Amino acid sequence: MLLPLGSIVYLADGNQKVVIIGRGMIVNQEGADVVFDYTGSFFPDGLNPEEIYYFNEEDIDEVIFEGYRNDEEERYAKLYLQWLEENKEKVVKGRTK
């Protein structure tokens, strides 16, 4: 299940907490549009345009705090995962390593 906004995680091999501030971001990477599950910034610093991180579910090592969930959140997560599945032939999933 997709983590909600506001969740705080450690990424694999990371030593600083990252807060999730966005999901399903499409980024141009080496000339190709790729999608990442999450967009994050360092916690507790917050958004710094010079330090925005794009990562995927498999890059998360540990969940420290899970953000707020409600019906809208559950619906968004369901639709996003459905969209990924339906477009897996067209969508390039981003690589963080």
PDB file of N, CA and C in Angstrom:
ATOM      1  N   MET A   1       0.847  -1.190   0.000  1.00  0.00           N
ATOM      2  CA  MET A   1       0.000   0.000   0.000  1.00  0.00           C
ATOM      3  C   MET A   1       0.882   1.238   0.000  1.00  0.00           C
ATOM      4  N   LEU A   2       0.533   2.190  -0.795  1.00  0.00           N
ATOM      5  CA  LEU A   2       1.252   3.447  -0.907  1.00  0.00           C
ATOM      6  C   LEU A   2       1.179   4.208   0.409  1.00  0.00           C
ATOM      7  N   LEU A   3       2.300   4.774   0.829  1.00  0.00           N
ATOM      8  CA  LEU A   3       2.311   5.573   2.059  1.00  0.00           C
ATOM      9  C   LEU A   3       1.667   6.935   1.807  1.00  0.00           C
ATOM     10  N   PRO A   4       0.965   7.476   2.801  1.00  0.00           N
ATOM     11  CA  PRO A   4       0.333   8.784   2.634  1.00  0.00           C
ATOM     12  C   PRO A   4       1.329   9.931   2.790  1.00  0.00           C
ATOM     13  N   LEU A   5       0.904  11.095   2.326  1.00  0.00           N
ATOM     14  CA  LEU A   5       1.690  12.310   2.520  1.00  0.00           C
ATOM     15  C   LEU A   5       1.968  12.507   4.008  1.00  0.00           C
ATOM     16  N   GLY A   6       3.122  13.068   4.306  1.00  0.00           N
ATOM     17  CA  GLY A   6       3.481  13.315   5.697  1.00  0.00           C
ATOM     18  C   GLY A   6       4.179  12.153   6.357  1.00  0.00           C
ATOM     19  N   SER A   7       4.221  11.003   5.690  1.00  0.00           N
ATOM     20  CA  SER A   7       4.942   9.862   6.255  1.00  0.00           C
ATOM     21  C   SER A   7       6.431  10.183   6.297  1.00  0.00           C
ATOM     22  N   ILE A   8       7.105   9.644   7.299  1.00  0.00           N
ATOM     23  CA  ILE A   8       8.537   9.875   7.469  1.00  0.00           C
ATOM     24  C   ILE A   8       9.243   8.534   7.383  1.00  0.00           C
ATOM     25  N   VAL A   9      10.287   8.491   6.544  1.00  0.00           N
ATOM     26  CA  VAL A   9      10.972   7.229   6.268  1.00  0.00           C
ATOM     27  C   VAL A   9      12.484   7.419   6.293  1.00  0.00           C
ATOM     28  N   TYR A  10      13.175   6.297   6.425  1.00  0.00           N
ATOM     29  CA  TYR A  10      14.602   6.226   6.112  1.00  0.00           C
ATOM     30  C   TYR A  10      14.699   5.509   4.778  1.00  0.00           C
ATOM     31  N   LEU A  11      15.523   6.022   3.893  1.00  0.00           N
ATOM     32  CA  LEU A  11      15.782   5.337   2.639  1.00  0.00           C
ATOM     33  C   LEU A  11      16.928   4.351   2.833  1.00  0.00           C
ATOM     34  N   ALA A  12      17.006   3.356   1.959  1.00  0.00           N
ATOM     35  CA  ALA A  12      18.083   2.376   2.036  1.00  0.00           C
ATOM     36  C   ALA A  12      19.421   3.106   2.031  1.00  0.00           C
ATOM     37  N   ASP A  13      20.296   2.718   2.916  1.00  0.00           N
ATOM     38  CA  ASP A  13      21.624   3.319   3.069  1.00  0.00           C
ATOM     39  C   ASP A  13      21.582   4.788   3.490  1.00  0.00           C
ATOM     40  N   GLY A  14      20.434   5.277   3.935  1.00  0.00           N
ATOM     41  CA  GLY A  14      20.321   6.667   4.354  1.00  0.00           C
ATOM     42  C   GLY A  14      20.445   6.807   5.852  1.00  0.00           C
ATOM     43  N   ASN A  15      20.858   7.987   6.286  1.00  0.00           N
ATOM     44  CA  ASN A  15      20.985   8.238   7.717  1.00  0.00           C
ATOM     45  C   ASN A  15      20.229   9.491   8.152  1.00  0.00           C
ATOM     46  N   GLN A  16      19.388  10.018   7.256  1.00  0.00           N
ATOM     47  CA  GLN A  16      18.574  11.176   7.591  1.00  0.00           C
ATOM     48  C   GLN A  16      17.129  10.882   7.205  1.00  0.00           C
ATOM     49  N   LYS A  17      16.218  11.305   8.058  1.00  0.00           N
ATOM     50  CA  LYS A  17      14.798  11.069   7.802  1.00  0.00           C
ATOM     51  C   LYS A  17      14.335  11.903   6.610  1.00  0.00           C
ATOM     52  N   VAL A  18      13.405  11.317   5.837  1.00  0.00           N
ATOM     53  CA  VAL A  18      12.810  11.978   4.681  1.00  0.00           C
ATOM     54  C   VAL A  18      11.304  11.993   4.868  1.00  0.00           C
ATOM     55  N   VAL A  19      10.682  13.157   4.682  1.00  0.00           N
ATOM     56  CA  VAL A  19       9.234  13.272   4.776  1.00  0.00           C
ATOM     57  C   VAL A  19       8.660  13.250   3.360  1.00  0.00           C
ATOM     58  N   ILE A  20       7.609  12.464   3.168  1.00  0.00           N
ATOM     59  CA  ILE A  20       6.976  12.343   1.853  1.00  0.00           C
ATOM     60  C   ILE A  20       6.085  13.558   1.627  1.00  0.00           C
ATOM     61  N   ILE A  21       6.375  14.285   0.531  1.00  0.00           N
ATOM     62  CA  ILE A  21       5.629  15.507   0.222  1.00  0.00           C
ATOM     63  C   ILE A  21       4.860  15.403  -1.091  1.00  0.00           C
ATOM     64  N   GLY A  22       5.040  14.299  -1.816  1.00  0.00           N
ATOM     65  CA  GLY A  22       4.324  14.122  -3.078  1.00  0.00           C
ATOM     66  C   GLY A  22       4.409  12.683  -3.544  1.00  0.00           C
ATOM     67  N   ARG A  23       3.536  12.336  -4.485  1.00  0.00           N
ATOM     68  CA  ARG A  23       3.522  10.968  -5.018  1.00  0.00           C
ATOM     69  C   ARG A  23       3.208  10.999  -6.501  1.00  0.00           C
ATOM     70  N   GLY A  24       3.712   9.996  -7.207  1.00  0.00           N
ATOM     71  CA  GLY A  24       3.426   9.868  -8.627  1.00  0.00           C
ATOM     72  C   GLY A  24       4.040  10.959  -9.482  1.00  0.00           C
ATOM     73  N   MET A  25       5.200  11.451  -9.080  1.00  0.00           N
ATOM     74  CA  MET A  25       5.853  12.536  -9.809  1.00  0.00           C
ATOM     75  C   MET A  25       6.517  11.999 -11.076  1.00  0.00           C
ATOM     76  N   ILE A  26       6.306  12.701 -12.184  1.00  0.00           N
ATOM     77  CA  ILE A  26       6.975  12.366 -13.436  1.00  0.00           C
ATOM     78  C   ILE A  26       8.113  13.357 -13.620  1.00  0.00           C
ATOM     79  N   VAL A  27       9.327  12.805 -13.793  1.00  0.00           N
ATOM     80  CA  VAL A  27      10.551  13.607 -13.843  1.00  0.00           C
ATOM     81  C   VAL A  27      11.312  13.253 -15.116  1.00  0.00           C
ATOM     82  N   ASN A  28      11.906  14.274 -15.756  1.00  0.00           N
ATOM     83  CA  ASN A  28      12.752  14.005 -16.906  1.00  0.00           C
ATOM     84  C   ASN A  28      14.114  13.579 -16.390  1.00  0.00           C
ATOM     85  N   GLN A  29      14.520  12.364 -16.727  1.00  0.00           N
ATOM     86  CA  GLN A  29      15.778  11.791 -16.253  1.00  0.00           C
ATOM     87  C   GLN A  29      16.532  11.256 -17.470  1.00  0.00           C
ATOM     88  N   GLU A  30      17.637  11.904 -17.794  1.00  0.00           N
ATOM     89  CA  GLU A  30      18.455  11.512 -18.943  1.00  0.00           C
ATOM     90  C   GLU A  30      17.636  11.486 -20.230  1.00  0.00           C
ATOM     91  N   GLY A  31      16.793  12.494 -20.415  1.00  0.00           N
ATOM     92  CA  GLY A  31      16.017  12.634 -21.638  1.00  0.00           C
ATOM     93  C   GLY A  31      14.733  11.835 -21.710  1.00  0.00           C
ATOM     94  N   ALA A  32      14.423  11.060 -20.679  1.00  0.00           N
ATOM     95  CA  ALA A  32      13.192  10.260 -20.677  1.00  0.00           C
ATOM     96  C   ALA A  32      12.317  10.663 -19.493  1.00  0.00           C
ATOM     97  N   ASP A  33      11.013  10.649 -19.703  1.00  0.00           N
ATOM     98  CA  ASP A  33      10.083  10.909 -18.608  1.00  0.00           C
ATOM     99  C   ASP A  33       9.913   9.624 -17.807  1.00  0.00           C
ATOM    100  N   VAL A  34      10.184   9.708 -16.516  1.00  0.00           N
ATOM    101  CA  VAL A  34      10.069   8.553 -15.630  1.00  0.00           C
ATOM    102  C   VAL A  34       9.193   8.916 -14.443  1.00  0.00           C
ATOM    103  N   VAL A  35       8.556   7.915 -13.863  1.00  0.00           N
ATOM    104  CA  VAL A  35       7.664   8.144 -12.732  1.00  0.00           C
ATOM    105  C   VAL A  35       8.298   7.584 -11.465  1.00  0.00           C
ATOM    106  N   PHE A  36       8.146   8.322 -10.380  1.00  0.00           N
ATOM    107  CA  PHE A  36       8.598   7.886  -9.066  1.00  0.00           C
ATOM    108  C   PHE A  36       7.392   7.794  -8.146  1.00  0.00           C
ATOM    109  N   ASP A  37       7.398   6.795  -7.264  1.00  0.00           N
ATOM    110  CA  ASP A  37       6.298   6.652  -6.307  1.00  0.00           C
ATOM    111  C   ASP A  37       6.205   7.857  -5.374  1.00  0.00           C
ATOM    112  N   TYR A  38       7.364   8.362  -4.951  1.00  0.00           N
ATOM    113  CA  TYR A  38       7.382   9.394  -3.909  1.00  0.00           C
ATOM    114  C   TYR A  38       8.328  10.546  -4.231  1.00  0.00           C
ATOM    115  N   THR A  39       7.975  11.704  -3.693  1.00  0.00           N
ATOM    116  CA  THR A  39       8.842  12.873  -3.664  1.00  0.00           C
ATOM    117  C   THR A  39       9.024  13.204  -2.191  1.00  0.00           C
ATOM    118  N   GLY A  40      10.244  13.512  -1.789  1.00  0.00           N
ATOM    119  CA  GLY A  40      10.479  13.796  -0.383  1.00  0.00           C
ATOM    120  C   GLY A  40      11.499  14.885  -0.157  1.00  0.00           C
ATOM    121  N   SER A  41      11.554  15.336   1.079  1.00  0.00           N
ATOM    122  CA  SER A  41      12.567  16.300   1.517  1.00  0.00           C
ATOM    123  C   SER A  41      13.023  15.894   2.907  1.00  0.00           C
ATOM    124  N   PHE A  42      14.178  16.414   3.289  1.00  0.00           N
ATOM    125  CA  PHE A  42      14.724  16.059   4.596  1.00  0.00           C
ATOM    126  C   PHE A  42      13.798  16.523   5.714  1.00  0.00           C
ATOM    127  N   PHE A  43      13.678  15.701   6.715  1.00  0.00           N
ATOM    128  CA  PHE A  43      12.928  16.027   7.930  1.00  0.00           C
ATOM    129  C   PHE A  43      13.953  16.340   9.012  1.00  0.00           C
ATOM    130  N   PRO A  44      13.814  17.385   9.759  1.00  0.00           N
ATOM    131  CA  PRO A  44      12.682  18.305   9.872  1.00  0.00           C
ATOM    132  C   PRO A  44      12.807  19.560   9.023  1.00  0.00           C
ATOM    133  N   ASP A  45      13.774  19.624   8.129  1.00  0.00           N
ATOM    134  CA  ASP A  45      14.031  20.841   7.344  1.00  0.00           C
ATOM    135  C   ASP A  45      12.841  21.284   6.515  1.00  0.00           C
ATOM    136  N   GLY A  46      12.154  20.335   5.877  1.00  0.00           N
ATOM    137  CA  GLY A  46      11.052  20.679   4.996  1.00  0.00           C
ATOM    138  C   GLY A  46      11.536  20.943   3.582  1.00  0.00           C
ATOM    139  N   LEU A  47      10.698  21.528   2.793  1.00  0.00           N
ATOM    140  CA  LEU A  47      10.964  21.716   1.376  1.00  0.00           C
ATOM    141  C   LEU A  47      12.108  22.684   1.127  1.00  0.00           C
ATOM    142  N   ASN A  48      13.107  22.196   0.420  1.00  0.00           N
ATOM    143  CA  ASN A  48      14.222  22.997  -0.069  1.00  0.00           C
ATOM    144  C   ASN A  48      14.360  22.626  -1.539  1.00  0.00           C
ATOM    145  N   PRO A  49      14.097  23.552  -2.465  1.00  0.00           N
ATOM    146  CA  PRO A  49      14.146  23.222  -3.889  1.00  0.00           C
ATOM    147  C   PRO A  49      15.483  22.622  -4.346  1.00  0.00           C
ATOM    148  N   GLU A  50      16.544  22.864  -3.607  1.00  0.00           N
ATOM    149  CA  GLU A  50      17.852  22.309  -3.949  1.00  0.00           C
ATOM    150  C   GLU A  50      18.005  20.863  -3.475  1.00  0.00           C
ATOM    151  N   GLU A  51      17.124  20.413  -2.603  1.00  0.00           N
ATOM    152  CA  GLU A  51      17.230  19.071  -2.029  1.00  0.00           C
ATOM    153  C   GLU A  51      15.878  18.362  -2.051  1.00  0.00           C
ATOM    154  N   ILE A  52      15.432  18.013  -3.249  1.00  0.00           N
ATOM    155  CA  ILE A  52      14.206  17.242  -3.417  1.00  0.00           C
ATOM    156  C   ILE A  52      14.626  15.843  -3.855  1.00  0.00           C
ATOM    157  N   TYR A  53      14.022  14.842  -3.253  1.00  0.00           N
ATOM    158  CA  TYR A  53      14.403  13.468  -3.526  1.00  0.00           C
ATOM    159  C   TYR A  53      13.230  12.708  -4.134  1.00  0.00           C
ATOM    160  N   TYR A  54      13.525  11.944  -5.155  1.00  0.00           N
ATOM    161  CA  TYR A  54      12.542  11.100  -5.818  1.00  0.00           C
ATOM    162  C   TYR A  54      12.927   9.659  -5.531  1.00  0.00           C
ATOM    163  N   PHE A  55      11.951   8.871  -5.103  1.00  0.00           N
ATOM    164  CA  PHE A  55      12.260   7.485  -4.760  1.00  0.00           C
ATOM    165  C   PHE A  55      11.022   6.621  -4.909  1.00  0.00           C
ATOM    166  N   ASN A  56      11.255   5.319  -4.859  1.00  0.00           N
ATOM    167  CA  ASN A  56      10.184   4.339  -5.033  1.00  0.00           C
ATOM    168  C   ASN A  56       9.999   3.523  -3.763  1.00  0.00           C
ATOM    169  N   GLU A  57       8.910   2.805  -3.746  1.00  0.00           N
ATOM    170  CA  GLU A  57       8.565   1.966  -2.597  1.00  0.00           C
ATOM    171  C   GLU A  57       9.740   1.083  -2.169  1.00  0.00           C
ATOM    172  N   GLU A  58      10.405   0.476  -3.143  1.00  0.00           N
ATOM    173  CA  GLU A  58      11.498  -0.450  -2.825  1.00  0.00           C
ATOM    174  C   GLU A  58      12.740   0.232  -2.253  1.00  0.00           C
ATOM    175  N   ASP A  59      12.810   1.568  -2.341  1.00  0.00           N
ATOM    176  CA  ASP A  59      13.949   2.304  -1.792  1.00  0.00           C
ATOM    177  C   ASP A  59      13.799   2.600  -0.303  1.00  0.00           C
ATOM    178  N   ILE A  60      12.616   2.352   0.247  1.00  0.00           N
ATOM    179  CA  ILE A  60      12.356   2.648   1.660  1.00  0.00           C
ATOM    180  C   ILE A  60      12.889   1.517   2.525  1.00  0.00           C
ATOM    181  N   ASP A  61      13.734   1.902   3.475  1.00  0.00           N
ATOM    182  CA  ASP A  61      14.324   0.930   4.393  1.00  0.00           C
ATOM    183  C   ASP A  61      13.465   0.765   5.646  1.00  0.00           C
ATOM    184  N   GLU A  62      12.949   1.897   6.160  1.00  0.00           N
ATOM    185  CA  GLU A  62      12.180   1.850   7.402  1.00  0.00           C
ATOM    186  C   GLU A  62      11.157   2.986   7.433  1.00  0.00           C
ATOM    187  N   VAL A  63       9.943   2.672   7.857  1.00  0.00           N
ATOM    188  CA  VAL A  63       8.906   3.688   8.038  1.00  0.00           C
ATOM    189  C   VAL A  63       8.940   4.119   9.496  1.00  0.00           C
ATOM    190  N   ILE A  64       9.211   5.402   9.733  1.00  0.00           N
ATOM    191  CA  ILE A  64       9.290   5.959  11.086  1.00  0.00           C
ATOM    192  C   ILE A  64       7.911   6.421  11.553  1.00  0.00           C
ATOM    193  N   PHE A  65       7.166   7.039  10.646  1.00  0.00           N
ATOM    194  CA  PHE A  65       5.844   7.585  10.964  1.00  0.00           C
ATOM    195  C   PHE A  65       4.981   7.486   9.722  1.00  0.00           C
ATOM    196  N   GLU A  66       3.752   7.052   9.882  1.00  0.00           N
ATOM    197  CA  GLU A  66       2.829   6.975   8.760  1.00  0.00           C
ATOM    198  C   GLU A  66       1.861   8.148   8.823  1.00  0.00           C
ATOM    199  N   GLY A  67       1.758   8.871   7.711  1.00  0.00           N
ATOM    200  CA  GLY A  67       0.894  10.046   7.631  1.00  0.00           C
ATOM    201  C   GLY A  67      -0.589   9.715   7.728  1.00  0.00           C
ATOM    202  N   TYR A  68      -1.383  10.747   7.674  1.00  0.00           N
ATOM    203  CA  TYR A  68      -2.834  10.656   7.842  1.00  0.00           C
ATOM    204  C   TYR A  68      -3.485   9.914   6.680  1.00  0.00           C
ATOM    205  N   ARG A  69      -4.379   8.997   7.017  1.00  0.00           N
ATOM    206  CA  ARG A  69      -5.172   8.266   6.025  1.00  0.00           C
ATOM    207  C   ARG A  69      -6.659   8.548   6.251  1.00  0.00           C
ATOM    208  N   ASN A  70      -7.367   8.734   5.152  1.00  0.00           N
ATOM    209  CA  ASN A  70      -8.824   8.791   5.192  1.00  0.00           C
ATOM    210  C   ASN A  70      -9.335   8.193   3.877  1.00  0.00           C
ATOM    211  N   ASP A  71     -10.613   8.318   3.603  1.00  0.00           N
ATOM    212  CA  ASP A  71     -11.178   7.724   2.396  1.00  0.00           C
ATOM    213  C   ASP A  71     -10.555   8.292   1.118  1.00  0.00           C
ATOM    214  N   GLU A  72     -10.306   9.602   1.102  1.00  0.00           N
ATOM    215  CA  GLU A  72      -9.692  10.219  -0.074  1.00  0.00           C
ATOM    216  C   GLU A  72      -8.292   9.667  -0.312  1.00  0.00           C
ATOM    217  N   GLU A  73      -7.548   9.519   0.766  1.00  0.00           N
ATOM    218  CA  GLU A  73      -6.194   8.969   0.678  1.00  0.00           C
ATOM    219  C   GLU A  73      -6.229   7.545   0.133  1.00  0.00           C
ATOM    220  N   GLU A  74      -7.108   6.732   0.660  1.00  0.00           N
ATOM    221  CA  GLU A  74      -7.224   5.348   0.209  1.00  0.00           C
ATOM    222  C   GLU A  74      -7.594   5.294  -1.276  1.00  0.00           C
ATOM    223  N   ARG A  75      -8.495   6.166  -1.690  1.00  0.00           N
ATOM    224  CA  ARG A  75      -8.906   6.205  -3.099  1.00  0.00           C
ATOM    225  C   ARG A  75      -7.751   6.637  -3.989  1.00  0.00           C
ATOM    226  N   TYR A  76      -7.007   7.659  -3.578  1.00  0.00           N
ATOM    227  CA  TYR A  76      -5.856   8.104  -4.370  1.00  0.00           C
ATOM    228  C   TYR A  76      -4.858   6.963  -4.547  1.00  0.00           C
ATOM    229  N   ALA A  77      -4.507   6.299  -3.466  1.00  0.00           N
ATOM    230  CA  ALA A  77      -3.534   5.210  -3.520  1.00  0.00           C
ATOM    231  C   ALA A  77      -4.013   4.106  -4.456  1.00  0.00           C
ATOM    232  N   LYS A  78      -5.278   3.759  -4.363  1.00  0.00           N
ATOM    233  CA  LYS A  78      -5.845   2.711  -5.215  1.00  0.00           C
ATOM    234  C   LYS A  78      -5.771   3.116  -6.684  1.00  0.00           C
ATOM    235  N   LEU A  79      -6.170   4.355  -6.998  1.00  0.00           N
ATOM    236  CA  LEU A  79      -6.161   4.822  -8.381  1.00  0.00           C
ATOM    237  C   LEU A  79      -4.745   4.926  -8.936  1.00  0.00           C
ATOM    238  N   TYR A  80      -3.801   5.385  -8.100  1.00  0.00           N
ATOM    239  CA  TYR A  80      -2.403   5.500  -8.548  1.00  0.00           C
ATOM    240  C   TYR A  80      -1.831   4.124  -8.877  1.00  0.00           C
ATOM    241  N   LEU A  81      -2.019   3.161  -7.995  1.00  0.00           N
ATOM    242  CA  LEU A  81      -1.497   1.817  -8.230  1.00  0.00           C
ATOM    243  C   LEU A  81      -2.179   1.169  -9.437  1.00  0.00           C
ATOM    244  N   GLN A  82      -3.458   1.437  -9.616  1.00  0.00           N
ATOM    245  CA  GLN A  82      -4.188   0.934 -10.782  1.00  0.00           C
ATOM    246  C   GLN A  82      -3.621   1.557 -12.055  1.00  0.00           C
ATOM    247  N   TRP A  83      -3.364   2.864 -12.026  1.00  0.00           N
ATOM    248  CA  TRP A  83      -2.799   3.560 -13.175  1.00  0.00           C
ATOM    249  C   TRP A  83      -1.429   2.978 -13.530  1.00  0.00           C
ATOM    250  N   LEU A  84      -0.582   2.738 -12.509  1.00  0.00           N
ATOM    251  CA  LEU A  84       0.725   2.134 -12.765  1.00  0.00           C
ATOM    252  C   LEU A  84       0.587   0.776 -13.446  1.00  0.00           C
ATOM    253  N   GLU A  85      -0.324  -0.038 -12.949  1.00  0.00           N
ATOM    254  CA  GLU A  85      -0.530  -1.374 -13.511  1.00  0.00           C
ATOM    255  C   GLU A  85      -1.025  -1.286 -14.959  1.00  0.00           C
ATOM    256  N   GLU A  86      -1.979  -0.411 -15.216  1.00  0.00           N
ATOM    257  CA  GLU A  86      -2.547  -0.284 -16.555  1.00  0.00           C
ATOM    258  C   GLU A  86      -1.559   0.298 -17.559  1.00  0.00           C
ATOM    259  N   ASN A  87      -0.578   1.044 -17.080  1.00  0.00           N
ATOM    260  CA  ASN A  87       0.375   1.717 -17.960  1.00  0.00           C
ATOM    261  C   ASN A  87       1.780   1.154 -17.866  1.00  0.00           C
ATOM    262  N   LYS A  88       1.926  -0.035 -17.309  1.00  0.00           N
ATOM    263  CA  LYS A  88       3.272  -0.579 -17.075  1.00  0.00           C
ATOM    264  C   LYS A  88       4.066  -0.759 -18.361  1.00  0.00           C
ATOM    265  N   GLU A  89       3.390  -0.904 -19.490  1.00  0.00           N
ATOM    266  CA  GLU A  89       4.098  -1.036 -20.768  1.00  0.00           C
ATOM    267  C   GLU A  89       4.599   0.313 -21.276  1.00  0.00           C
ATOM    268  N   LYS A  90       3.944   1.397 -20.864  1.00  0.00           N
ATOM    269  CA  LYS A  90       4.278   2.738 -21.350  1.00  0.00           C
ATOM    270  C   LYS A  90       5.114   3.548 -20.363  1.00  0.00           C
ATOM    271  N   VAL A  91       4.964   3.265 -19.091  1.00  0.00           N
ATOM    272  CA  VAL A  91       5.598   4.082 -18.053  1.00  0.00           C
ATOM    273  C   VAL A  91       6.963   3.511 -17.693  1.00  0.00           C
ATOM    274  N   VAL A  92       7.939   4.398 -17.643  1.00  0.00           N
ATOM    275  CA  VAL A  92       9.278   4.002 -17.188  1.00  0.00           C
ATOM    276  C   VAL A  92       9.368   4.366 -15.718  1.00  0.00           C
ATOM    277  N   LYS A  93       9.654   3.391 -14.881  1.00  0.00           N
ATOM    278  CA  LYS A  93       9.791   3.641 -13.448  1.00  0.00           C
ATOM    279  C   LYS A  93      11.195   4.160 -13.192  1.00  0.00           C
ATOM    280  N   GLY A  94      11.308   5.235 -12.441  1.00  0.00           N
ATOM    281  CA  GLY A  94      12.587   5.861 -12.165  1.00  0.00           C
ATOM    282  C   GLY A  94      13.505   4.997 -11.330  1.00  0.00           C
ATOM    283  N   ARG A  95      14.784   5.220 -11.499  1.00  0.00           N
ATOM    284  CA  ARG A  95      15.790   4.515 -10.717  1.00  0.00           C
ATOM    285  C   ARG A  95      16.519   5.524  -9.852  1.00  0.00           C
ATOM    286  N   THR A  96      16.692   5.183  -8.606  1.00  0.00           N
ATOM    287  CA  THR A  96      17.346   6.117  -7.701  1.00  0.00           C
ATOM    288  C   THR A  96      18.806   5.776  -7.458  1.00  0.00           C
ATOM    289  N   LYS A  97      19.245   4.644  -7.946  1.00  0.00           N
ATOM    290  CA  LYS A  97      20.640   4.247  -7.695  1.00  0.00           C
ATOM    291  C   LYS A  97      21.423   4.194  -8.978  1.00  0.00           C
TER     292      LYS A  97
END
